[in-house]
Amino acid sequence: MGRRRRSAEAGRRPGCALLAVLAVVALVVTLVTVLQRALVYFPDRTDVGTVAGRVPGARDLVLRTDDGLELAAWLVPPAGEDREVAVLYLPGNGGNRLGRLDVVREIAARGFTVLLLEYRGYGGNPGRPSERGLARDARAAAAALRDEGFDRARTLYVAESIGTGVAARLATTDPPAGLLLRSPFTSLVDVGRAHYPLLPVGLILRDRFASAEHLDGSDVPVRVLHGTDDDVVPSRLSAELAARVGNLQGEVVVPGAGHNDAVWFGPRLADEVVELAQAVVG
């Protein structure tokens, strides 16, 4: 009798262990589902104030989105000879616009007018970030550049990281003369799968940023930049996007560059903007 009881208990142990594992997996999936935007967006909500005094001639803009938000942004004029070309700069998912001011200065120093977008929920702006929300913010910025006198033929979009997903979607509604995408990806789902291979990312991710889908067949010229040592967006996903865009203007791979290395926030990136402008604007 004792042997049979021990045998039955031993038989139940594997089943109990499996249930425990499934319970843990279900808990993890639930937490990721509920908290996923906290894993995607890392805003610095600090109000960074005015651009006056930081860059000569720069001014503050208020962007009005179609869902009723008023967003602060900075417009930086060209230094030196004016190319009469505007750049809409679309940031990544962390920090705020103050952290991009150095690279914007570099771009402006090469003769471009630069609108530095600040998304909802970042840099003192109201709202909370989401894919749909960022798309609305970008459309408001594109409209603001048109109000400043820059039509499609004189406008470029320069985007980093998750901003490349925003730019790819924006190009379907407000196509520019060209796109420069730094550390882009095919979709945020693919990035999620690379980092969390055991989770059903494709089922639970709400904000998908399907860049390859948006740019497949597009006639907008696209220049892709990425580093070989990117630990946030795998370099292979940037290369795959470059292979899938409808009109690739060029692909530049920087050996040894990581996702947030200084090379992406200084003269090198600004020089790539010049290369794109010369190819698509003249």
Protein backbone atom coordinates (compact mmCIF):
# COMPACT_ATOMS: atom_id res chain seq x y z
CA MET A 1 0.00 0.00 0.00
CA GLY A 2 2.82 2.38 0.89
CA ARG A 3 4.60 1.65 -2.38
CA ARG A 4 1.47 2.42 -4.41
CA ARG A 5 1.00 5.78 -2.58
CA ARG A 6 4.62 6.78 -3.20
CA SER A 7 4.30 5.75 -6.84
CA ALA A 8 1.15 7.85 -7.30
CA GLU A 9 2.81 10.85 -5.65
CA ALA A 10 5.84 10.46 -7.91
CA GLY A 11 3.55 10.38 -10.92
CA ARG A 12 1.89 13.61 -9.90
CA ARG A 13 5.16 15.53 -9.44
CA PRO A 14 5.94 16.04 -13.18
CA GLY A 15 2.38 17.24 -13.75
CA CYS A 16 2.60 19.68 -10.88
CA ALA A 17 5.95 20.97 -12.14
CA LEU A 18 4.48 21.51 -15.61
CA LEU A 19 1.55 23.44 -14.16
CA ALA A 20 3.95 25.60 -12.16
CA VAL A 21 5.99 26.38 -15.28
CA LEU A 22 2.85 27.21 -17.25
CA ALA A 23 1.66 29.47 -14.44
CA VAL A 24 4.96 31.36 -14.46
CA VAL A 25 4.86 31.71 -18.25
CA ALA A 26 1.27 32.96 -18.10
CA LEU A 27 2.24 35.50 -15.44
CA VAL A 28 5.19 36.77 -17.49
CA VAL A 29 3.07 37.08 -20.64
CA THR A 30 0.38 38.93 -18.69
CA LEU A 31 2.88 41.37 -17.20
CA VAL A 32 4.51 42.02 -20.56
CA THR A 33 1.10 42.54 -22.16
CA VAL A 34 -0.01 45.01 -19.51
CA LEU A 35 3.31 46.84 -19.11
CA GLN A 36 4.61 46.60 -22.66
CA ARG A 37 4.66 50.34 -23.39
CA ALA A 38 6.85 50.86 -20.33
CA LEU A 39 9.27 48.45 -22.01
CA VAL A 40 9.13 50.31 -25.34
CA TYR A 41 9.16 54.01 -24.39
CA PHE A 42 11.59 55.66 -21.97
CA PRO A 43 10.65 59.34 -21.95
CA ASP A 44 12.51 61.96 -19.99
CA ARG A 45 9.49 64.08 -19.08
CA THR A 46 11.56 67.03 -17.83
CA ASP A 47 10.41 70.33 -19.28
CA VAL A 48 13.53 71.52 -21.09
CA GLY A 49 12.13 75.00 -21.74
CA THR A 50 12.91 77.34 -24.59
CA VAL A 51 15.59 77.02 -27.26
CA ALA A 52 16.32 80.74 -27.03
CA GLY A 53 19.90 81.27 -25.89
CA ARG A 54 20.91 77.74 -26.82
CA VAL A 55 21.19 78.19 -30.60
CA PRO A 56 21.39 81.60 -32.32
CA GLY A 57 18.22 82.32 -34.27
CA ALA A 58 16.40 79.16 -33.14
CA ARG A 59 12.81 79.45 -32.03
CA ASP A 60 10.14 77.48 -30.26
CA LEU A 61 7.21 76.02 -32.18
CA VAL A 62 3.90 74.72 -30.89
CA LEU A 63 2.66 71.74 -32.90
CA ARG A 64 -1.06 71.01 -32.80
CA THR A 65 -2.02 67.37 -33.30
CA ASP A 66 -5.30 66.16 -34.73
CA ASP A 67 -6.26 64.72 -31.34
CA GLY A 68 -5.97 68.08 -29.63
CA LEU A 69 -2.49 68.13 -28.07
CA GLU A 70 -0.12 71.09 -28.16
CA LEU A 71 3.50 69.93 -28.37
CA ALA A 72 6.65 71.97 -27.89
CA ALA A 73 9.29 71.61 -30.61
CA TRP A 74 12.39 73.51 -31.72
CA LEU A 75 13.11 75.02 -35.12
CA VAL A 76 16.82 75.58 -35.77
CA PRO A 77 17.86 77.79 -38.72
CA PRO A 78 20.70 76.97 -41.10
CA ALA A 79 24.18 78.19 -40.28
CA GLY A 80 26.25 79.43 -43.19
CA GLU A 81 24.88 79.08 -46.71
CA ASP A 82 21.19 78.19 -46.70
CA ARG A 83 20.37 75.12 -48.79
CA GLU A 84 16.67 75.99 -48.57
CA VAL A 85 16.04 72.40 -47.48
CA ALA A 86 14.30 71.38 -44.26
CA VAL A 87 15.04 68.36 -42.10
CA LEU A 88 12.45 66.87 -39.78
CA TYR A 89 14.39 65.09 -37.04
CA LEU A 90 12.47 62.21 -35.43
CA PRO A 91 14.10 60.99 -32.18
CA GLY A 92 14.26 57.52 -30.68
CA ASN A 93 12.37 56.21 -27.68
CA GLY A 94 14.47 57.67 -24.84
CA GLY A 95 15.48 61.03 -23.39
CA ASN A 96 14.14 64.31 -24.74
CA ARG A 97 14.99 66.90 -27.39
CA LEU A 98 17.80 68.47 -25.40
CA GLY A 99 19.83 65.30 -25.90
CA ARG A 100 19.57 65.69 -29.70
CA LEU A 101 20.51 69.34 -29.86
CA ASP A 102 24.18 68.69 -30.67
CA VAL A 103 23.43 66.58 -33.74
CA VAL A 104 20.78 69.08 -34.84
CA ARG A 105 23.40 71.85 -34.60
CA GLU A 106 25.68 69.77 -36.83
CA ILE A 107 22.94 69.31 -39.42
CA ALA A 108 22.05 73.02 -39.31
CA ALA A 109 25.74 73.89 -39.72
CA ARG A 110 25.57 72.23 -43.13
CA GLY A 111 22.90 74.63 -44.32
CA PHE A 112 19.66 72.88 -43.34
CA THR A 113 16.67 74.21 -41.44
CA VAL A 114 15.92 71.57 -38.78
CA LEU A 115 12.66 70.92 -36.96
CA LEU A 116 13.48 68.88 -33.84
CA LEU A 117 10.32 67.03 -32.93
CA GLU A 118 9.44 66.24 -29.33
CA TYR A 119 6.86 63.48 -28.97
CA ARG A 120 3.90 63.47 -26.62
CA GLY A 121 4.96 62.58 -23.08
CA TYR A 122 8.55 63.73 -23.65
CA GLY A 123 10.31 66.94 -22.63
CA GLY A 124 7.38 68.47 -20.78
CA ASN A 125 4.81 67.67 -23.48
CA PRO A 126 1.37 66.35 -22.54
CA GLY A 127 0.11 62.88 -23.37
CA ARG A 128 1.54 59.37 -23.37
CA PRO A 129 3.52 57.82 -26.20
CA SER A 130 2.10 55.13 -28.46
CA GLU A 131 2.55 54.22 -32.11
CA ARG A 132 -0.64 55.98 -33.12
CA GLY A 133 0.18 58.99 -30.95
CA LEU A 134 3.69 59.38 -32.36
CA ALA A 135 2.26 59.15 -35.88
CA ARG A 136 -0.03 62.06 -35.07
CA ASP A 137 2.87 64.05 -33.65
CA ALA A 138 4.92 63.47 -36.80
CA ARG A 139 2.06 64.54 -39.08
CA ALA A 140 1.73 67.75 -37.08
CA ALA A 141 5.47 68.38 -37.52
CA ALA A 142 5.30 67.77 -41.28
CA ALA A 143 2.41 70.22 -41.50
CA ALA A 144 4.42 72.79 -39.54
CA LEU A 145 7.27 72.56 -42.05
CA ARG A 146 4.83 73.13 -44.89
CA ASP A 147 3.59 76.20 -43.04
CA GLU A 148 7.23 77.35 -42.90
CA GLY A 149 7.34 77.16 -46.71
CA PHE A 150 8.99 73.76 -47.26
CA ASP A 151 7.17 71.48 -49.67
CA ARG A 152 7.85 67.78 -50.21
CA ALA A 153 10.61 68.43 -52.74
CA ARG A 154 12.60 70.44 -50.15
CA THR A 155 12.03 68.27 -47.07
CA LEU A 156 14.00 65.33 -45.67
CA TYR A 157 13.17 63.09 -42.73
CA VAL A 158 16.06 62.03 -40.49
CA ALA A 159 15.17 59.44 -37.90
CA GLU A 160 16.84 57.31 -35.25
CA SER A 161 15.82 53.97 -33.77
CA ILE A 162 12.07 53.87 -33.07
CA GLY A 163 11.81 57.19 -34.87
CA THR A 164 12.60 55.29 -38.07
CA GLY A 165 9.32 53.46 -37.61
CA VAL A 166 7.55 56.79 -37.18
CA ALA A 167 9.26 58.16 -40.30
CA ALA A 168 8.41 55.10 -42.40
CA ARG A 169 4.73 55.46 -41.55
CA LEU A 170 4.81 59.23 -42.09
CA ALA A 171 6.25 58.67 -45.57
CA THR A 172 3.02 56.91 -46.56
CA THR A 173 0.89 59.99 -45.79
CA ASP A 174 3.35 62.89 -46.12
CA PRO A 175 6.14 61.66 -48.41
CA PRO A 176 9.39 63.68 -48.29
CA ALA A 177 12.13 64.06 -50.86
CA GLY A 178 14.17 61.45 -48.98
CA LEU A 179 14.54 59.46 -45.77
CA LEU A 180 17.65 58.88 -43.69
CA LEU A 181 17.05 56.02 -41.25
CA ARG A 182 19.63 55.37 -38.53
CA SER A 183 19.44 51.95 -36.85
CA PRO A 184 16.10 51.02 -38.43
CA PHE A 185 14.27 47.70 -38.24
CA THR A 186 11.82 45.71 -40.32
CA SER A 187 9.23 45.89 -37.54
CA LEU A 188 9.18 46.29 -33.79
CA VAL A 189 7.77 42.76 -33.63
CA ASP A 190 11.01 41.46 -35.15
CA VAL A 191 13.06 43.44 -32.62
CA GLY A 192 10.95 42.02 -29.80
CA ARG A 193 11.41 38.48 -31.05
CA ALA A 194 15.17 39.00 -31.15
CA HIS A 195 15.20 40.03 -27.47
CA TYR A 196 12.42 37.76 -26.16
CA PRO A 197 12.48 34.62 -28.32
CA LEU A 198 10.36 32.61 -25.86
CA LEU A 199 7.47 35.10 -25.71
CA PRO A 200 4.60 35.28 -28.26
CA VAL A 201 5.61 38.82 -29.22
CA GLY A 202 3.65 38.76 -32.45
CA LEU A 203 0.44 38.11 -30.55
CA ILE A 204 0.79 40.56 -27.67
CA LEU A 205 2.63 43.60 -29.07
CA ARG A 206 0.27 46.52 -29.71
CA ASP A 207 2.74 49.02 -31.20
CA ARG A 208 4.24 47.26 -34.22
CA PHE A 209 6.01 49.94 -36.32
CA ALA A 210 5.93 47.86 -39.51
CA SER A 211 8.61 49.82 -41.38
CA ALA A 212 9.32 47.23 -44.08
CA GLU A 213 5.62 47.04 -44.89
CA HIS A 214 5.38 50.83 -45.14
CA LEU A 215 8.46 51.20 -47.37
CA ASP A 216 8.02 48.14 -49.58
CA GLY A 217 7.25 49.53 -53.03
CA SER A 218 7.60 53.16 -51.93
CA ASP A 219 9.29 55.51 -54.40
CA VAL A 220 10.76 57.68 -51.60
CA PRO A 221 14.59 57.41 -51.65
CA VAL A 222 15.88 55.82 -48.44
CA ARG A 223 19.39 55.91 -46.99
CA VAL A 224 20.04 53.36 -44.22
CA LEU A 225 22.75 53.67 -41.56
CA HIS A 226 23.54 51.04 -38.95
CA GLY A 227 26.37 49.71 -36.81
CA THR A 228 27.64 46.16 -36.58
CA ASP A 229 27.62 46.10 -32.75
CA ASP A 230 24.09 47.34 -32.13
CA ASP A 231 22.70 45.52 -29.08
CA VAL A 232 19.26 47.15 -29.28
CA VAL A 233 18.32 46.80 -32.95
CA PRO A 234 20.22 43.84 -34.42
CA SER A 235 22.25 44.92 -37.44
CA ARG A 236 20.70 42.12 -39.49
CA LEU A 237 17.27 43.74 -39.14
CA SER A 238 18.62 47.05 -40.45
CA ALA A 239 20.23 45.21 -43.37
CA GLU A 240 17.00 43.34 -44.06
CA LEU A 241 15.06 46.60 -44.12
CA ALA A 242 17.58 48.06 -46.57
CA ALA A 243 17.06 45.04 -48.80
CA ARG A 244 13.28 45.46 -48.74
CA VAL A 245 12.75 49.20 -49.29
CA GLY A 246 11.38 50.16 -52.65
CA ASN A 247 13.99 52.82 -53.47
CA LEU A 248 17.28 52.34 -51.62
CA GLN A 249 19.55 55.35 -52.06
CA GLY A 250 22.36 53.76 -50.06
CA GLU A 251 23.28 51.58 -47.10
CA VAL A 252 26.12 52.56 -44.78
CA VAL A 253 27.40 50.07 -42.21
CA VAL A 254 29.69 51.42 -39.47
CA PRO A 255 31.97 48.69 -38.08
CA GLY A 256 31.97 48.48 -34.29
CA ALA A 257 29.21 51.07 -33.79
CA GLY A 258 26.59 50.41 -31.12
CA HIS A 259 23.07 51.75 -30.87
CA ASN A 260 23.73 54.98 -28.98
CA ASP A 261 27.39 55.61 -29.77
CA ALA A 262 28.66 59.16 -30.25
CA VAL A 263 29.15 58.59 -33.99
CA TRP A 264 25.38 58.89 -34.44
CA PHE A 265 25.14 62.29 -32.72
CA GLY A 266 27.84 64.30 -34.43
CA PRO A 267 29.46 65.23 -37.74
CA ARG A 268 29.28 61.74 -39.27
CA LEU A 269 25.50 61.66 -39.28
CA ALA A 270 25.28 65.26 -40.49
CA ASP A 271 27.57 64.40 -43.41
CA GLU A 272 25.24 61.53 -44.32
CA VAL A 273 22.36 64.01 -44.44
CA VAL A 274 24.38 66.04 -46.95
CA GLU A 275 24.93 62.89 -49.04
CA LEU A 276 21.21 62.21 -49.10
CA ALA A 277 20.35 65.83 -49.93
CA GLN A 278 22.82 65.93 -52.81
CA ALA A 279 21.34 62.74 -54.24
CA VAL A 280 17.64 63.60 -53.97
CA VAL A 281 17.39 67.39 -53.82
CA GLY A 282 20.51 68.62 -55.58
